[in-house]
N, C-alpha and C. Protein backbone atom coordinates (compact mmCIF):
# COMPACT_ATOMS: atom_id res chain seq x y z
N UNK A 1 64.73 18.45 -33.38
CA UNK A 1 64.85 18.20 -34.80
C UNK A 1 66.32 18.10 -35.20
N UNK A 2 66.56 17.35 -36.26
CA UNK A 2 67.93 17.20 -36.76
C UNK A 2 68.28 18.45 -37.56
N UNK A 3 69.40 19.08 -37.23
CA UNK A 3 69.79 20.26 -38.00
C UNK A 3 70.18 19.88 -39.42
N UNK A 4 69.86 20.75 -40.35
CA UNK A 4 70.22 20.51 -41.75
C UNK A 4 71.70 20.80 -41.93
N UNK A 5 72.27 20.16 -42.91
CA UNK A 5 73.69 20.39 -43.17
C UNK A 5 74.22 19.30 -44.07
N UNK A 6 75.51 19.38 -44.36
CA UNK A 6 76.10 18.35 -45.22
C UNK A 6 76.02 16.99 -44.55
N UNK A 7 76.05 15.95 -45.34
CA UNK A 7 75.92 14.58 -44.86
C UNK A 7 77.23 14.05 -44.29
N UNK A 8 77.67 14.66 -43.21
CA UNK A 8 78.85 14.20 -42.50
C UNK A 8 78.41 13.17 -41.46
N UNK A 9 79.34 12.36 -40.95
CA UNK A 9 78.96 11.38 -39.93
C UNK A 9 78.64 12.04 -38.58
N UNK A 10 77.83 11.32 -37.80
CA UNK A 10 77.48 11.76 -36.45
C UNK A 10 78.43 11.12 -35.45
N UNK A 11 78.73 11.86 -34.38
CA UNK A 11 79.57 11.38 -33.28
C UNK A 11 78.89 11.73 -31.97
N UNK A 12 79.26 11.03 -30.91
CA UNK A 12 78.73 11.33 -29.58
C UNK A 12 79.78 12.10 -28.81
N UNK A 13 79.35 13.20 -28.21
CA UNK A 13 80.21 14.04 -27.40
C UNK A 13 79.75 13.95 -25.96
N UNK A 14 80.68 13.64 -25.08
CA UNK A 14 80.42 13.66 -23.64
C UNK A 14 80.69 15.08 -23.15
N UNK A 15 79.76 15.62 -22.36
CA UNK A 15 79.93 16.99 -21.87
C UNK A 15 80.35 16.98 -20.40
N UNK A 16 80.79 18.11 -19.95
CA UNK A 16 81.05 18.30 -18.52
C UNK A 16 79.70 18.26 -17.81
N UNK A 17 79.68 17.95 -16.51
CA UNK A 17 78.39 17.88 -15.79
C UNK A 17 77.56 19.16 -15.93
N UNK A 18 76.31 18.97 -16.36
CA UNK A 18 75.32 20.04 -16.52
C UNK A 18 75.77 21.16 -17.47
N UNK A 19 76.58 20.82 -18.45
CA UNK A 19 77.06 21.82 -19.42
C UNK A 19 76.57 21.51 -20.83
N UNK A 20 75.55 20.68 -20.96
CA UNK A 20 75.06 20.29 -22.28
C UNK A 20 74.59 21.49 -23.09
N UNK A 21 73.77 22.35 -22.49
CA UNK A 21 73.23 23.50 -23.21
C UNK A 21 74.34 24.50 -23.56
N UNK A 22 75.28 24.71 -22.67
CA UNK A 22 76.40 25.62 -22.91
C UNK A 22 77.24 25.10 -24.09
N UNK A 23 77.57 23.82 -24.06
CA UNK A 23 78.37 23.22 -25.15
C UNK A 23 77.60 23.27 -26.46
N UNK A 24 76.29 22.97 -26.42
CA UNK A 24 75.47 23.01 -27.64
C UNK A 24 75.52 24.40 -28.27
N UNK A 25 75.33 25.42 -27.44
CA UNK A 25 75.31 26.79 -27.94
C UNK A 25 76.65 27.15 -28.59
N UNK A 26 77.76 26.82 -27.94
CA UNK A 26 79.08 27.16 -28.49
C UNK A 26 79.38 26.38 -29.76
N UNK A 27 79.00 25.10 -29.80
CA UNK A 27 79.23 24.30 -31.01
C UNK A 27 78.41 24.84 -32.18
N UNK A 28 77.16 25.20 -31.93
CA UNK A 28 76.33 25.75 -33.01
C UNK A 28 76.89 27.08 -33.49
N UNK A 29 77.39 27.91 -32.58
CA UNK A 29 78.00 29.17 -32.99
C UNK A 29 79.24 28.94 -33.85
N UNK A 30 79.92 27.80 -33.63
CA UNK A 30 81.10 27.46 -34.43
C UNK A 30 80.73 26.79 -35.75
N UNK A 31 79.43 26.64 -36.02
CA UNK A 31 79.00 26.05 -37.28
C UNK A 31 78.90 24.54 -37.28
N UNK A 32 78.90 23.93 -36.11
CA UNK A 32 78.79 22.47 -35.99
C UNK A 32 77.32 22.11 -35.78
N UNK A 33 76.83 21.13 -36.54
CA UNK A 33 75.45 20.66 -36.36
C UNK A 33 75.38 19.83 -35.07
N UNK A 34 74.43 20.15 -34.20
CA UNK A 34 74.28 19.47 -32.91
C UNK A 34 72.85 18.95 -32.80
N UNK A 35 72.71 17.74 -32.30
CA UNK A 35 71.39 17.14 -32.07
C UNK A 35 71.32 16.75 -30.60
N UNK A 36 70.32 17.29 -29.90
CA UNK A 36 70.13 17.02 -28.47
C UNK A 36 68.73 16.45 -28.30
N UNK A 37 68.59 15.12 -28.15
CA UNK A 37 67.26 14.53 -27.98
C UNK A 37 66.68 14.87 -26.60
N UNK A 38 65.39 15.23 -26.60
CA UNK A 38 64.70 15.59 -25.38
C UNK A 38 63.54 14.63 -25.13
N UNK A 39 63.12 14.51 -23.87
CA UNK A 39 62.03 13.62 -23.49
C UNK A 39 61.16 14.33 -22.46
N UNK A 40 59.85 14.16 -22.56
CA UNK A 40 58.91 14.69 -21.58
C UNK A 40 58.81 13.69 -20.45
N UNK A 41 59.11 14.14 -19.23
CA UNK A 41 59.05 13.26 -18.06
C UNK A 41 58.09 13.85 -17.04
N UNK A 42 57.54 12.98 -16.22
CA UNK A 42 56.59 13.39 -15.21
C UNK A 42 57.18 13.12 -13.84
N UNK A 43 56.90 14.01 -12.92
CA UNK A 43 57.25 13.75 -11.53
C UNK A 43 55.99 13.99 -10.71
N UNK A 44 55.88 13.27 -9.63
CA UNK A 44 54.67 13.34 -8.84
C UNK A 44 55.04 13.70 -7.41
N UNK A 45 54.35 14.70 -6.90
CA UNK A 45 54.47 15.03 -5.48
C UNK A 45 53.15 14.63 -4.83
N UNK A 46 52.98 14.94 -3.60
CA UNK A 46 51.77 14.52 -2.89
C UNK A 46 50.49 14.98 -3.58
N UNK A 47 50.48 16.20 -4.07
CA UNK A 47 49.23 16.75 -4.55
C UNK A 47 49.16 16.98 -6.05
N UNK A 48 50.26 16.89 -6.72
CA UNK A 48 50.19 17.19 -8.15
C UNK A 48 51.26 16.48 -8.95
N UNK A 49 50.99 16.40 -10.23
CA UNK A 49 51.94 15.84 -11.18
C UNK A 49 52.47 16.99 -12.02
N UNK A 50 53.76 17.01 -12.22
CA UNK A 50 54.32 18.06 -13.07
C UNK A 50 55.08 17.43 -14.22
N UNK A 51 55.09 18.14 -15.32
CA UNK A 51 55.78 17.69 -16.52
C UNK A 51 57.01 18.56 -16.73
N UNK A 52 58.07 17.94 -17.21
CA UNK A 52 59.29 18.69 -17.50
C UNK A 52 59.98 18.03 -18.68
N UNK A 53 60.49 18.84 -19.58
CA UNK A 53 61.24 18.33 -20.72
C UNK A 53 62.70 18.24 -20.28
N UNK A 54 63.26 17.02 -20.34
CA UNK A 54 64.64 16.77 -19.93
C UNK A 54 65.43 16.18 -21.09
N UNK A 55 66.73 16.09 -20.91
CA UNK A 55 67.59 15.46 -21.90
C UNK A 55 67.34 13.95 -21.90
N UNK A 56 67.26 13.36 -23.08
CA UNK A 56 67.11 11.91 -23.18
C UNK A 56 68.40 11.23 -22.73
N UNK A 57 69.55 11.80 -23.07
CA UNK A 57 70.85 11.28 -22.67
C UNK A 57 71.62 12.37 -21.93
N UNK A 58 71.36 12.53 -20.63
CA UNK A 58 72.07 13.59 -19.90
C UNK A 58 73.58 13.40 -20.00
N UNK A 59 74.28 14.50 -20.26
CA UNK A 59 75.74 14.45 -20.35
C UNK A 59 76.27 14.13 -21.74
N UNK A 60 75.37 14.01 -22.74
CA UNK A 60 75.81 13.65 -24.09
C UNK A 60 75.08 14.47 -25.14
N UNK A 61 75.78 14.75 -26.24
CA UNK A 61 75.24 15.42 -27.41
C UNK A 61 75.67 14.63 -28.64
N UNK A 62 74.93 14.76 -29.71
CA UNK A 62 75.34 14.22 -30.99
C UNK A 62 75.82 15.38 -31.85
N UNK A 63 76.97 15.22 -32.49
CA UNK A 63 77.48 16.26 -33.37
C UNK A 63 77.78 15.66 -34.74
N UNK A 64 77.52 16.45 -35.78
CA UNK A 64 77.83 16.04 -37.14
C UNK A 64 79.05 16.84 -37.55
N UNK A 65 80.15 16.11 -37.83
CA UNK A 65 81.39 16.84 -38.11
C UNK A 65 82.32 16.03 -39.02
N UNK A 66 83.25 16.77 -39.58
CA UNK A 66 84.35 16.19 -40.33
C UNK A 66 85.51 16.06 -39.34
N UNK A 67 86.06 14.86 -39.20
CA UNK A 67 87.17 14.68 -38.27
C UNK A 67 88.35 15.57 -38.62
N UNK A 68 88.68 15.64 -39.90
CA UNK A 68 89.85 16.41 -40.32
C UNK A 68 89.67 17.91 -40.04
N UNK A 69 88.48 18.41 -40.27
CA UNK A 69 88.25 19.84 -40.15
C UNK A 69 87.79 20.27 -38.76
N UNK A 70 86.94 19.46 -38.10
CA UNK A 70 86.24 19.93 -36.90
C UNK A 70 86.63 19.27 -35.59
N UNK A 71 87.38 18.18 -35.62
CA UNK A 71 87.64 17.42 -34.39
C UNK A 71 88.25 18.28 -33.28
N UNK A 72 89.32 19.00 -33.57
CA UNK A 72 89.99 19.80 -32.53
C UNK A 72 89.08 20.89 -32.00
N UNK A 73 88.30 21.53 -32.90
CA UNK A 73 87.39 22.58 -32.48
C UNK A 73 86.32 22.04 -31.54
N UNK A 74 85.78 20.85 -31.87
CA UNK A 74 84.76 20.22 -31.01
C UNK A 74 85.39 19.79 -29.69
N UNK A 75 86.51 19.11 -29.78
CA UNK A 75 87.16 18.56 -28.58
C UNK A 75 87.52 19.63 -27.56
N UNK A 76 87.91 20.80 -28.01
CA UNK A 76 88.36 21.85 -27.10
C UNK A 76 87.31 22.94 -26.86
N UNK A 77 86.07 22.68 -27.25
CA UNK A 77 84.99 23.63 -26.95
C UNK A 77 84.70 23.59 -25.45
N UNK A 78 84.61 24.74 -24.80
CA UNK A 78 84.26 24.74 -23.37
C UNK A 78 82.95 24.01 -23.13
N UNK A 79 82.93 23.17 -22.10
CA UNK A 79 81.76 22.37 -21.78
C UNK A 79 81.84 20.96 -22.33
N UNK A 80 82.69 20.73 -23.32
CA UNK A 80 82.85 19.40 -23.91
C UNK A 80 83.90 18.63 -23.10
N UNK A 81 83.57 17.38 -22.76
CA UNK A 81 84.53 16.52 -22.08
C UNK A 81 85.41 15.80 -23.07
N UNK A 82 84.76 15.05 -23.98
CA UNK A 82 85.51 14.32 -25.00
C UNK A 82 84.57 13.82 -26.07
N UNK A 83 85.13 13.41 -27.19
CA UNK A 83 84.39 12.74 -28.25
C UNK A 83 84.57 11.24 -28.00
N UNK A 84 83.47 10.49 -27.94
CA UNK A 84 83.56 9.07 -27.59
C UNK A 84 84.28 8.25 -28.65
N UNK A 85 85.11 7.36 -28.19
CA UNK A 85 85.89 6.49 -29.05
C UNK A 85 87.37 6.78 -28.90
N UNK A 86 88.22 6.02 -29.59
CA UNK A 86 89.66 6.28 -29.52
C UNK A 86 89.98 7.68 -30.04
N UNK A 87 91.01 8.31 -29.49
CA UNK A 87 91.35 9.68 -29.88
C UNK A 87 91.57 9.86 -31.37
N UNK A 88 92.24 8.92 -32.00
CA UNK A 88 92.56 9.06 -33.42
C UNK A 88 91.35 8.77 -34.31
N UNK A 89 90.45 7.91 -33.85
CA UNK A 89 89.30 7.50 -34.67
C UNK A 89 88.04 7.40 -33.81
N UNK A 90 87.42 8.53 -33.45
CA UNK A 90 86.19 8.46 -32.66
C UNK A 90 85.13 7.60 -33.35
N UNK A 91 84.27 7.01 -32.57
CA UNK A 91 83.25 6.11 -33.07
C UNK A 91 82.09 6.89 -33.67
N UNK A 92 81.71 6.53 -34.90
CA UNK A 92 80.56 7.19 -35.54
C UNK A 92 79.27 6.56 -35.04
N UNK A 93 78.19 7.32 -35.19
CA UNK A 93 76.85 6.85 -34.83
C UNK A 93 76.10 6.62 -36.13
N UNK A 94 75.41 5.51 -36.21
CA UNK A 94 74.65 5.17 -37.41
C UNK A 94 73.56 6.23 -37.64
N UNK A 95 73.49 6.74 -38.84
CA UNK A 95 72.50 7.76 -39.22
C UNK A 95 71.07 7.30 -38.92
N UNK A 96 70.80 6.00 -39.04
CA UNK A 96 69.45 5.50 -38.81
C UNK A 96 69.03 5.67 -37.35
N UNK A 97 69.98 5.59 -36.43
CA UNK A 97 69.66 5.81 -35.01
C UNK A 97 69.23 7.26 -34.79
N UNK A 98 69.95 8.19 -35.36
CA UNK A 98 69.59 9.61 -35.24
C UNK A 98 68.22 9.85 -35.86
N UNK A 99 67.98 9.26 -37.04
CA UNK A 99 66.69 9.42 -37.71
C UNK A 99 65.55 8.86 -36.86
N UNK A 100 65.78 7.70 -36.24
CA UNK A 100 64.74 7.07 -35.42
C UNK A 100 64.42 7.93 -34.19
N UNK A 101 65.44 8.42 -33.52
CA UNK A 101 65.20 9.28 -32.35
C UNK A 101 64.47 10.55 -32.78
N UNK A 102 64.91 11.14 -33.87
CA UNK A 102 64.27 12.36 -34.36
C UNK A 102 62.81 12.12 -34.72
N UNK A 103 62.53 10.98 -35.35
CA UNK A 103 61.15 10.65 -35.71
C UNK A 103 60.29 10.49 -34.47
N UNK A 104 60.82 9.88 -33.42
CA UNK A 104 60.07 9.73 -32.16
C UNK A 104 59.81 11.07 -31.50
N UNK A 105 60.69 12.05 -31.72
CA UNK A 105 60.50 13.37 -31.13
C UNK A 105 59.33 14.09 -31.79
N UNK A 106 59.11 13.84 -33.07
CA UNK A 106 57.98 14.42 -33.76
C UNK A 106 58.00 15.93 -33.80
N UNK A 107 56.84 16.52 -34.03
CA UNK A 107 56.75 17.96 -34.20
C UNK A 107 56.88 18.73 -32.89
N UNK A 108 56.67 18.05 -31.77
CA UNK A 108 56.76 18.74 -30.47
C UNK A 108 58.20 19.04 -30.08
N UNK A 109 59.15 18.32 -30.66
CA UNK A 109 60.55 18.56 -30.34
C UNK A 109 61.05 17.75 -29.16
N UNK A 110 60.22 16.83 -28.67
CA UNK A 110 60.64 15.95 -27.59
C UNK A 110 59.84 14.65 -27.67
N UNK A 111 60.38 13.61 -27.04
CA UNK A 111 59.73 12.31 -27.02
C UNK A 111 58.73 12.28 -25.88
N UNK A 112 57.52 11.80 -26.15
CA UNK A 112 56.52 11.60 -25.11
C UNK A 112 56.46 10.11 -24.84
N UNK A 113 56.85 9.72 -23.64
CA UNK A 113 56.83 8.30 -23.30
C UNK A 113 55.41 7.91 -22.92
N UNK A 114 54.94 6.86 -23.52
CA UNK A 114 53.60 6.38 -23.23
C UNK A 114 53.71 5.06 -22.47
N UNK A 115 52.76 4.85 -21.60
CA UNK A 115 52.71 3.57 -20.91
C UNK A 115 52.45 2.48 -21.95
N UNK A 116 53.23 1.43 -21.92
CA UNK A 116 53.07 0.34 -22.88
C UNK A 116 51.99 -0.61 -22.37
N UNK A 117 50.76 -0.18 -22.48
CA UNK A 117 49.64 -0.97 -22.00
C UNK A 117 48.80 -1.42 -23.19
N UNK A 118 48.40 -2.68 -23.15
CA UNK A 118 47.58 -3.24 -24.21
C UNK A 118 46.34 -3.88 -23.59
N UNK A 119 45.25 -3.99 -24.35
CA UNK A 119 44.06 -4.64 -23.81
C UNK A 119 44.41 -6.03 -23.29
N UNK A 120 43.90 -6.32 -22.08
CA UNK A 120 44.16 -7.61 -21.45
C UNK A 120 45.31 -7.59 -20.45
N UNK A 121 46.09 -6.51 -20.41
CA UNK A 121 47.18 -6.42 -19.45
C UNK A 121 46.62 -6.27 -18.03
N UNK A 122 47.23 -7.01 -17.10
CA UNK A 122 46.88 -6.85 -15.69
C UNK A 122 47.67 -5.67 -15.15
N UNK A 123 47.01 -4.81 -14.39
CA UNK A 123 47.66 -3.62 -13.85
C UNK A 123 47.29 -3.43 -12.39
N UNK A 124 48.15 -2.68 -11.70
CA UNK A 124 47.85 -2.24 -10.34
C UNK A 124 47.84 -0.72 -10.36
N UNK A 125 46.81 -0.14 -9.73
CA UNK A 125 46.73 1.32 -9.63
C UNK A 125 47.74 1.74 -8.56
N UNK A 126 48.65 2.62 -8.93
CA UNK A 126 49.72 3.03 -8.01
C UNK A 126 49.46 4.38 -7.34
N UNK A 127 48.65 5.23 -7.95
CA UNK A 127 48.43 6.58 -7.42
C UNK A 127 46.95 6.92 -7.46
N UNK A 128 46.55 7.81 -6.59
CA UNK A 128 45.18 8.30 -6.60
C UNK A 128 44.30 7.56 -5.62
N UNK A 129 43.00 7.87 -5.63
CA UNK A 129 42.08 7.28 -4.65
C UNK A 129 41.87 5.78 -4.82
N UNK A 130 42.21 5.23 -5.98
CA UNK A 130 42.04 3.80 -6.23
C UNK A 130 43.34 3.02 -6.07
N UNK A 131 44.36 3.66 -5.49
CA UNK A 131 45.67 3.02 -5.33
C UNK A 131 45.53 1.68 -4.62
N UNK A 132 46.24 0.69 -5.16
CA UNK A 132 46.24 -0.65 -4.58
C UNK A 132 45.29 -1.62 -5.26
N UNK A 133 44.33 -1.12 -6.02
CA UNK A 133 43.39 -1.99 -6.71
C UNK A 133 44.03 -2.61 -7.95
N UNK A 134 43.60 -3.83 -8.26
CA UNK A 134 44.07 -4.54 -9.45
C UNK A 134 42.99 -4.50 -10.51
N UNK A 135 43.39 -4.51 -11.77
CA UNK A 135 42.41 -4.48 -12.84
C UNK A 135 42.99 -4.97 -14.14
N UNK A 136 42.16 -4.93 -15.17
CA UNK A 136 42.54 -5.32 -16.52
C UNK A 136 42.35 -4.13 -17.46
N UNK A 137 43.30 -3.94 -18.35
CA UNK A 137 43.20 -2.87 -19.33
C UNK A 137 42.16 -3.27 -20.37
N UNK A 138 41.16 -2.40 -20.57
CA UNK A 138 40.16 -2.64 -21.62
C UNK A 138 40.62 -2.04 -22.94
N UNK A 139 41.31 -0.90 -22.87
CA UNK A 139 41.78 -0.26 -24.09
C UNK A 139 42.12 1.18 -23.83
N UNK A 140 42.56 1.87 -24.88
CA UNK A 140 42.90 3.27 -24.71
C UNK A 140 41.65 4.11 -24.53
N UNK A 141 41.82 5.25 -23.91
CA UNK A 141 40.73 6.19 -23.72
C UNK A 141 40.65 7.09 -24.94
N UNK A 142 39.68 7.97 -24.93
CA UNK A 142 39.57 8.93 -26.02
C UNK A 142 40.59 10.05 -25.85
N UNK A 143 41.09 10.24 -24.62
CA UNK A 143 42.08 11.28 -24.36
C UNK A 143 43.49 10.68 -24.40
N UNK A 144 44.46 11.42 -24.93
CA UNK A 144 45.83 10.91 -24.94
C UNK A 144 46.34 10.68 -23.52
N UNK A 145 47.22 9.71 -23.37
CA UNK A 145 47.85 9.38 -22.08
C UNK A 145 46.90 8.78 -21.07
N UNK A 146 45.68 8.47 -21.48
CA UNK A 146 44.73 7.85 -20.55
C UNK A 146 44.41 6.45 -21.04
N UNK A 147 43.88 5.64 -20.12
CA UNK A 147 43.58 4.25 -20.44
C UNK A 147 42.30 3.85 -19.69
N UNK A 148 41.52 2.95 -20.32
CA UNK A 148 40.31 2.41 -19.67
C UNK A 148 40.67 1.11 -18.98
N UNK A 149 40.32 1.02 -17.70
CA UNK A 149 40.67 -0.15 -16.89
C UNK A 149 39.41 -0.70 -16.24
N UNK A 150 39.26 -2.03 -16.27
CA UNK A 150 38.16 -2.72 -15.60
C UNK A 150 38.64 -3.10 -14.21
N UNK A 151 38.03 -2.50 -13.18
CA UNK A 151 38.39 -2.76 -11.79
C UNK A 151 37.26 -3.50 -11.10
N UNK A 152 37.60 -4.31 -10.12
CA UNK A 152 36.61 -4.96 -9.28
C UNK A 152 36.83 -4.49 -7.86
N UNK A 153 35.82 -3.83 -7.31
CA UNK A 153 35.89 -3.42 -5.91
C UNK A 153 34.48 -3.39 -5.35
N UNK A 154 34.36 -3.67 -4.07
CA UNK A 154 33.07 -3.80 -3.39
C UNK A 154 32.16 -4.78 -4.13
N UNK A 155 32.74 -5.88 -4.60
CA UNK A 155 32.02 -6.95 -5.29
C UNK A 155 31.33 -6.48 -6.56
N UNK A 156 31.81 -5.40 -7.15
CA UNK A 156 31.24 -4.89 -8.40
C UNK A 156 32.37 -4.62 -9.39
N UNK A 157 32.02 -4.71 -10.63
CA UNK A 157 32.97 -4.38 -11.69
C UNK A 157 32.63 -3.01 -12.23
N UNK A 158 33.67 -2.24 -12.45
CA UNK A 158 33.47 -0.90 -13.00
C UNK A 158 34.62 -0.57 -13.94
N UNK A 159 34.27 0.12 -15.01
CA UNK A 159 35.30 0.59 -15.94
C UNK A 159 35.60 2.04 -15.58
N UNK A 160 36.88 2.31 -15.40
CA UNK A 160 37.30 3.67 -15.09
C UNK A 160 38.33 4.11 -16.11
N UNK A 161 38.39 5.41 -16.33
CA UNK A 161 39.44 5.98 -17.18
C UNK A 161 40.41 6.68 -16.26
N UNK A 162 41.68 6.43 -16.46
CA UNK A 162 42.69 7.10 -15.64
C UNK A 162 43.95 7.34 -16.43
N UNK A 163 44.79 8.16 -15.86
CA UNK A 163 46.07 8.48 -16.47
C UNK A 163 46.91 7.21 -16.53
N UNK A 164 47.46 6.90 -17.69
CA UNK A 164 48.29 5.70 -17.86
C UNK A 164 49.53 5.70 -16.97
N UNK A 165 49.93 6.88 -16.50
CA UNK A 165 51.10 6.96 -15.62
C UNK A 165 50.77 6.53 -14.19
N UNK A 166 49.48 6.39 -13.90
CA UNK A 166 49.07 6.02 -12.53
C UNK A 166 48.97 4.52 -12.33
N UNK A 167 49.25 3.74 -13.36
CA UNK A 167 49.14 2.30 -13.23
C UNK A 167 50.46 1.61 -13.55
N UNK A 168 50.64 0.45 -12.96
CA UNK A 168 51.84 -0.37 -13.17
C UNK A 168 51.42 -1.65 -13.86
N UNK A 169 52.05 -1.96 -14.98
CA UNK A 169 51.73 -3.20 -15.72
C UNK A 169 52.31 -4.39 -14.95
N UNK A 170 51.46 -5.39 -14.68
CA UNK A 170 51.89 -6.60 -13.96
C UNK A 170 52.11 -7.78 -14.89
N UNK A 171 51.55 -7.74 -16.07
CA UNK A 171 51.66 -8.83 -17.02
C UNK A 171 50.40 -8.92 -17.83
N UNK A 172 50.32 -9.96 -18.66
CA UNK A 172 49.13 -10.13 -19.49
C UNK A 172 48.23 -11.16 -18.82
N UNK A 173 47.01 -10.78 -18.58
CA UNK A 173 46.08 -11.67 -17.86
C UNK A 173 44.96 -12.13 -18.72
N UNK A 174 44.04 -12.86 -18.11
CA UNK A 174 42.89 -13.37 -18.86
C UNK A 174 41.67 -12.53 -18.63
């Protein structure tokens, strides 16, 4: 979520490697509004899929600050690499971009990436017992993150529901 505060401009801060959380904590303790967009990502091992919330922009934070009052404090905070842009005039970030990212994060506090699948899309099953089969997307399932796919195998057509992360979009088919 976007922290509340005065309507100062947003800037992008580059952090030292893996120091985003440390820099965020110190900046917030100094009274600087910090926005760190998060995203839910999935990783798959042989037997299971795991979910983890990661940084949307690893190595970067958004800070809302007054250049005259806060620039030196932000620039010299441990964990901060630099404020992006020329030293005398760092580049501001459009407020609408921050609002859009925040809106996508929603109430969960992170962005959930959904497979961009639409009815009629040709797909290939990439994981699971049906891996390698081709099919057509019929539509979304009743469960979130799932999709209904029409597959043809053993000379029969069958509609299956599967996790949208298990399929690869090949294009729009007939």
